[in-house]
Each structure stands twice: as structure tokens, then as C-alpha cells.
């Protein structure tokens, strides 16, 4: 049971770090254009004739 003294704070720190990373990615616009890549793969503008 003494191991819980170490594991609980480590788990909380990892969870807070993951939350911080997720909030940072939201702030930087990581999830703004979710349909752009799906439409880009269908266009053949880069195909040379």
C-alpha cells in the first residue's frame, strides 16, 4: 500500500500534463479544419499532364 503514495501523484501529474497538452492544441487550432484533408485527397491539382 505504500506504493500508492508514489503512484497517485504520478498519475495526477500525467493527467494534468495530458490536459494541458490538449488545451494547448485547441488553442493553436489543431482541430479547426477536420474536413480539409478529406477534400484535398480527392483533388488532382498536383497531377502533371
N, C-alpha and C. Protein backbone atom coordinates (compact mmCIF):
# COMPACT_ATOMS: atom_id res chain seq x y z
N UNK A 1 0.81 -1.20 0.00
CA UNK A 1 0.00 0.00 0.00
C UNK A 1 0.85 1.26 0.00
N UNK A 2 2.10 1.13 0.39
CA UNK A 2 2.96 2.31 0.40
C UNK A 2 3.27 2.81 -1.00
N UNK A 3 3.12 1.94 -1.98
CA UNK A 3 3.41 2.33 -3.35
C UNK A 3 2.38 3.34 -3.86
N UNK A 4 1.18 3.35 -3.27
CA UNK A 4 0.15 4.31 -3.66
C UNK A 4 0.58 5.74 -3.37
N UNK A 5 1.43 5.92 -2.39
CA UNK A 5 1.92 7.26 -2.07
C UNK A 5 2.68 7.84 -3.26
N UNK A 6 3.29 6.98 -4.05
CA UNK A 6 4.04 7.43 -5.23
C UNK A 6 3.19 7.41 -6.50
N UNK A 7 2.35 6.41 -6.63
CA UNK A 7 1.60 6.23 -7.87
C UNK A 7 0.48 7.26 -8.05
N UNK A 8 -0.20 7.64 -7.01
CA UNK A 8 -1.29 8.60 -7.12
C UNK A 8 -0.80 9.96 -7.60
N UNK A 9 0.24 10.54 -6.99
CA UNK A 9 0.73 11.82 -7.51
C UNK A 9 1.28 11.74 -8.93
N UNK A 10 1.91 10.63 -9.28
CA UNK A 10 2.43 10.47 -10.64
C UNK A 10 1.27 10.40 -11.63
N UNK A 11 0.21 9.67 -11.29
CA UNK A 11 -0.96 9.59 -12.16
C UNK A 11 -1.64 10.94 -12.30
N UNK A 12 -1.75 11.69 -11.23
CA UNK A 12 -2.33 13.03 -11.30
C UNK A 12 -1.49 13.97 -12.15
N UNK A 13 -0.18 13.89 -12.00
CA UNK A 13 0.71 14.74 -12.79
C UNK A 13 0.61 14.40 -14.28
N UNK A 14 0.54 13.13 -14.62
CA UNK A 14 0.39 12.73 -16.02
C UNK A 14 -0.95 13.18 -16.58
N UNK A 15 -1.99 13.08 -15.79
CA UNK A 15 -3.31 13.52 -16.24
C UNK A 15 -3.35 15.02 -16.47
N UNK A 16 -2.77 15.79 -15.57
CA UNK A 16 -2.73 17.24 -15.73
C UNK A 16 -1.88 17.62 -16.93
N UNK A 17 -0.78 16.90 -17.16
CA UNK A 17 0.06 17.17 -18.33
C UNK A 17 -0.70 16.89 -19.62
N UNK A 18 -1.45 15.79 -19.66
CA UNK A 18 -2.23 15.47 -20.85
C UNK A 18 -3.32 16.51 -21.09
N UNK A 19 -3.96 16.97 -20.02
CA UNK A 19 -4.98 18.00 -20.15
C UNK A 19 -4.38 19.30 -20.67
N UNK A 20 -3.21 19.66 -20.16
CA UNK A 20 -2.52 20.86 -20.62
C UNK A 20 -2.16 20.75 -22.10
N UNK A 21 -1.67 19.59 -22.53
CA UNK A 21 -1.32 19.40 -23.93
C UNK A 21 -2.55 19.48 -24.83
N UNK A 22 -3.67 18.94 -24.37
CA UNK A 22 -4.91 19.01 -25.15
C UNK A 22 -5.41 20.44 -25.26
N UNK A 23 -5.37 21.18 -24.16
CA UNK A 23 -5.82 22.58 -24.19
C UNK A 23 -4.90 23.42 -25.07
N UNK A 24 -3.61 23.13 -25.05
CA UNK A 24 -2.66 23.85 -25.89
C UNK A 24 -2.94 23.59 -27.37
N UNK A 25 -3.26 22.34 -27.71
CA UNK A 25 -3.56 22.02 -29.12
C UNK A 25 -4.86 22.68 -29.57
N UNK A 26 -5.83 22.79 -28.69
CA UNK A 26 -7.07 23.50 -29.02
C UNK A 26 -6.78 24.98 -29.27
N UNK A 27 -5.94 25.56 -28.44
CA UNK A 27 -5.62 26.99 -28.56
C UNK A 27 -4.89 27.28 -29.87
N UNK A 28 -4.07 26.35 -30.33
CA UNK A 28 -3.29 26.56 -31.54
C UNK A 28 -4.02 26.13 -32.81
N UNK A 29 -5.29 25.75 -32.72
CA UNK A 29 -6.08 25.46 -33.89
C UNK A 29 -5.83 24.10 -34.52
N UNK A 30 -5.45 23.13 -33.73
CA UNK A 30 -5.16 21.80 -34.26
C UNK A 30 -6.40 21.13 -34.83
N UNK A 31 -7.57 21.43 -34.29
CA UNK A 31 -8.79 20.71 -34.66
C UNK A 31 -9.75 21.57 -35.47
N UNK A 32 -9.31 22.67 -36.04
CA UNK A 32 -10.21 23.58 -36.72
C UNK A 32 -10.69 23.05 -38.07
N UNK A 33 -9.83 22.49 -38.89
CA UNK A 33 -10.20 22.04 -40.23
C UNK A 33 -10.17 20.52 -40.29
N UNK A 34 -11.28 19.91 -39.93
CA UNK A 34 -11.29 18.45 -39.91
C UNK A 34 -11.69 17.86 -41.26
N UNK A 35 -12.30 18.65 -42.16
CA UNK A 35 -12.72 18.12 -43.45
C UNK A 35 -11.77 18.49 -44.59
N UNK A 36 -10.82 19.36 -44.35
CA UNK A 36 -9.90 19.80 -45.40
C UNK A 36 -9.09 18.67 -46.01
N UNK A 37 -8.44 17.83 -45.20
CA UNK A 37 -7.67 16.74 -45.79
C UNK A 37 -8.52 15.74 -46.59
N UNK A 38 -9.76 15.56 -46.19
CA UNK A 38 -10.62 14.63 -46.93
C UNK A 38 -10.94 15.18 -48.31
N UNK A 39 -11.09 16.49 -48.43
CA UNK A 39 -11.37 17.08 -49.74
C UNK A 39 -10.09 17.21 -50.58
N UNK A 40 -8.98 17.44 -49.91
CA UNK A 40 -7.71 17.61 -50.63
C UNK A 40 -7.26 16.33 -51.32
N UNK A 41 -7.57 15.19 -50.73
CA UNK A 41 -7.13 13.93 -51.32
C UNK A 41 -7.89 13.63 -52.61
N UNK A 42 -9.09 14.21 -52.76
CA UNK A 42 -9.90 13.97 -53.94
C UNK A 42 -9.52 14.86 -55.12
N UNK A 43 -8.85 15.97 -54.85
CA UNK A 43 -8.48 16.86 -55.95
C UNK A 43 -7.21 16.37 -56.63
N UNK A 44 -7.13 16.56 -57.94
CA UNK A 44 -5.94 16.13 -58.66
C UNK A 44 -5.24 17.34 -59.29
N UNK A 45 -5.10 18.40 -58.51
CA UNK A 45 -4.40 19.58 -58.99
C UNK A 45 -2.90 19.34 -59.13
N UNK A 46 -2.37 18.45 -58.34
CA UNK A 46 -0.92 18.21 -58.37
C UNK A 46 -0.51 17.20 -59.44
N UNK A 47 -1.45 16.63 -60.15
CA UNK A 47 -1.13 15.66 -61.20
C UNK A 47 -0.64 16.42 -62.45
N UNK A 48 0.55 16.08 -62.91
CA UNK A 48 1.09 16.72 -64.10
C UNK A 48 0.65 15.96 -65.34
N UNK A 49 0.29 16.71 -66.37
CA UNK A 49 -0.18 16.07 -67.60
C UNK A 49 0.92 15.98 -68.63
